[in-house]
Amino acid sequence: MINRIAIIDDDEICQFLHKEIILKSGVVGSVKEFSNGLDAIKFLQVNHSKSDVLPEIIFLDLNMPTMDGFAFIEAYKKVAPTLHQKIKIFVLSSSVAKADIDCIKGIPEISEYIVKPLKKAKFEEIVKMCEVNRPVIRQETYERSIRIDQRDVG
């Protein structure tokens, strides 16, 4: 299960449709929406140490007012080292311009470029990919770390 997803898109209709697809999947706890990159960056900065608040996935539009997707990515690169959680970013854009797609391919912080609209099958694929890549802490490793922590305290 994915606990939190953020959608950064100035188009309210796209926000609504994508949120519906995500929530109807039944595998996401909550969806937070931002109408521009600046509001999203401010949210990440304020909540950088709150793993229970930060999104696990961001769907990012490119063409927005105030701060577009490209400016968001540059700002995110500066904020990312302070975040207490790894966030996967998927560009979700109506742009089919080869220049936009090629530019995004060269950015390691971006997991994938998806042309709008987000479809149910694509979202399910993303969830499966994120579940597979999620770190798993084995019980024996967890118990060993508890014993080590207790020795440090005692």
Protein backbone atom coordinates (compact mmCIF):
# COMPACT_ATOMS: atom_id res chain seq x y z
CA MET A 1 0.00 0.00 0.00
CA ILE A 2 1.11 3.54 -0.77
CA ASN A 3 0.32 5.87 2.13
CA ARG A 4 0.58 9.31 0.52
CA ILE A 5 0.65 10.73 -3.00
CA ALA A 6 0.94 14.35 -4.12
CA ILE A 7 -0.39 15.76 -7.38
CA ILE A 8 1.19 19.01 -8.57
CA ASP A 9 -0.98 20.38 -11.38
CA ASP A 10 -2.73 23.70 -12.01
CA ASP A 11 -5.56 22.05 -13.96
CA GLU A 12 -8.36 21.35 -11.46
CA ILE A 13 -10.08 18.89 -13.79
CA CYS A 14 -6.89 16.85 -14.16
CA GLN A 15 -6.37 16.98 -10.40
CA PHE A 16 -9.89 15.68 -9.85
CA LEU A 17 -9.65 12.89 -12.46
CA HIS A 18 -6.22 11.72 -11.31
CA LYS A 19 -7.24 11.84 -7.65
CA GLU A 20 -10.32 9.70 -8.46
CA ILE A 21 -8.22 7.08 -10.26
CA ILE A 22 -5.74 7.00 -7.38
CA LEU A 23 -8.29 6.79 -4.57
CA LYS A 24 -10.55 4.28 -6.35
CA SER A 25 -7.57 1.93 -6.61
CA GLY A 26 -7.96 1.27 -2.89
CA VAL A 27 -4.19 1.11 -2.37
CA VAL A 28 -3.52 4.73 -1.40
CA GLY A 29 -4.18 6.34 1.97
CA SER A 30 -4.37 9.98 0.92
CA VAL A 31 -3.78 12.40 -1.94
CA LYS A 32 -2.52 15.96 -1.43
CA GLU A 33 -2.98 18.46 -4.26
CA PHE A 34 -0.93 21.53 -5.18
CA SER A 35 -1.72 23.97 -7.99
CA ASN A 36 1.93 24.95 -8.55
CA GLY A 37 5.44 23.81 -7.77
CA LEU A 38 6.15 26.59 -5.28
CA ASP A 39 3.40 25.50 -2.89
CA ALA A 40 4.65 21.91 -3.13
CA ILE A 41 8.28 22.87 -2.44
CA LYS A 42 7.22 24.93 0.58
CA PHE A 43 5.27 21.92 1.86
CA LEU A 44 8.32 19.66 1.45
CA GLN A 45 10.58 22.19 3.20
CA VAL A 46 8.24 22.61 6.18
CA ASN A 47 7.67 18.85 6.52
CA HIS A 48 11.14 17.60 5.54
CA SER A 49 11.56 15.52 8.71
CA LYS A 50 8.00 14.17 8.90
CA SER A 51 8.02 10.82 7.14
CA ASP A 52 4.38 10.33 8.09
CA VAL A 53 3.42 13.48 6.14
CA LEU A 54 5.74 13.42 3.10
CA PRO A 55 4.39 11.85 -0.08
CA GLU A 56 5.89 8.63 -1.35
CA ILE A 57 4.99 9.52 -4.93
CA ILE A 58 4.63 12.87 -6.69
CA PHE A 59 2.82 13.29 -10.01
CA LEU A 60 4.22 16.49 -11.51
CA ASP A 61 2.83 18.58 -14.36
CA LEU A 62 5.35 20.64 -16.34
CA ASN A 63 3.35 23.67 -17.48
CA MET A 64 2.04 25.63 -14.49
CA PRO A 65 2.02 29.24 -13.29
CA THR A 66 4.15 30.56 -10.40
CA MET A 67 6.62 27.64 -10.52
CA ASP A 68 6.51 25.19 -13.41
CA GLY A 69 7.60 21.56 -13.29
CA PHE A 70 11.15 22.26 -14.47
CA ALA A 71 11.69 24.89 -11.76
CA PHE A 72 10.15 22.51 -9.21
CA ILE A 73 12.67 19.83 -10.15
CA GLU A 74 15.59 22.24 -9.67
CA ALA A 75 14.23 23.33 -6.27
CA TYR A 76 13.55 19.69 -5.34
CA LYS A 77 17.20 18.78 -5.98
CA LYS A 78 18.16 21.26 -3.24
CA VAL A 79 15.48 20.06 -0.80
CA ALA A 80 15.87 16.30 -1.42
CA PRO A 81 18.96 15.78 0.80
CA THR A 82 17.02 17.12 3.81
CA LEU A 83 13.97 14.87 3.30
CA HIS A 84 13.59 11.95 5.69
CA GLN A 85 11.94 9.88 2.99
CA LYS A 86 12.71 8.98 -0.62
CA ILE A 87 10.08 10.32 -3.01
CA LYS A 88 9.48 8.96 -6.51
CA ILE A 89 8.56 11.66 -9.00
CA PHE A 90 6.59 10.93 -12.15
CA VAL A 91 6.10 13.70 -14.68
CA LEU A 92 2.47 13.65 -15.74
CA SER A 93 2.12 16.15 -18.57
CA SER A 94 -0.02 16.83 -21.61
CA SER A 95 3.14 17.83 -23.48
CA VAL A 96 4.20 15.41 -26.17
CA ALA A 97 7.05 17.70 -27.25
CA LYS A 98 10.19 15.68 -27.89
CA ALA A 99 12.28 18.43 -26.29
CA ASP A 100 10.35 18.12 -22.99
CA ILE A 101 10.54 14.32 -22.99
CA ASP A 102 14.26 14.29 -23.85
CA CYS A 103 15.01 16.89 -21.18
CA ILE A 104 13.20 14.86 -18.51
CA LYS A 105 14.99 11.64 -19.49
CA GLY A 106 18.27 13.20 -18.39
CA ILE A 107 17.05 14.02 -14.87
CA PRO A 108 17.78 11.20 -12.39
CA GLU A 109 15.19 12.45 -9.88
CA ILE A 110 12.40 11.65 -12.36
CA SER A 111 11.22 8.04 -12.43
CA GLU A 112 9.19 8.30 -15.64
CA TYR A 113 7.51 10.67 -18.11
CA ILE A 114 3.80 9.92 -18.57
CA VAL A 115 1.52 11.67 -21.05
CA LYS A 116 -1.82 12.73 -19.51
CA PRO A 117 -4.25 11.45 -18.58
CA LEU A 118 -3.10 8.95 -15.99
CA LYS A 119 -4.82 5.69 -16.73
CA LYS A 120 -5.82 3.06 -14.18
CA ALA A 121 -3.55 0.39 -15.68
CA LYS A 122 -0.55 2.74 -15.66
CA PHE A 123 -1.22 3.72 -12.05
CA GLU A 124 -1.42 0.05 -11.03
CA GLU A 125 1.91 -0.54 -12.78
CA ILE A 126 3.47 2.35 -10.84
CA VAL A 127 2.14 1.02 -7.53
CA LYS A 128 3.58 -2.44 -8.25
CA MET A 129 6.94 -0.90 -9.17
CA CYS A 130 6.99 1.15 -5.96
CA GLU A 131 6.02 -1.86 -3.85
CA VAL A 132 8.82 -3.94 -5.36
CA ASN A 133 11.40 -1.20 -4.77
CA ARG A 134 10.28 -0.48 -1.19
CA PRO A 135 12.97 -1.45 1.33
CA VAL A 136 12.07 -4.48 3.38
CA ILE A 137 13.42 -4.82 6.90
CA ARG A 138 13.64 -8.47 7.84
CA GLN A 139 12.59 -9.35 11.39
CA GLU A 140 16.05 -10.67 12.31
CA THR A 141 17.69 -7.43 11.14
CA TYR A 142 15.16 -5.41 13.13
CA GLU A 143 15.69 -7.50 16.27
CA ARG A 144 19.49 -7.24 15.92
CA SER A 145 19.27 -3.44 15.63
CA ILE A 146 17.09 -3.33 18.77
CA ARG A 147 19.69 -5.37 20.71
CA ILE A 148 22.48 -3.07 19.53
CA ASP A 149 20.46 0.01 20.52
CA GLN A 150 19.76 -1.46 23.97
CA ARG A 151 23.49 -2.12 24.53
CA ASP A 152 24.26 1.51 23.70
CA VAL A 153 21.71 2.71 26.24
CA GLY A 154 22.64 0.27 29.05
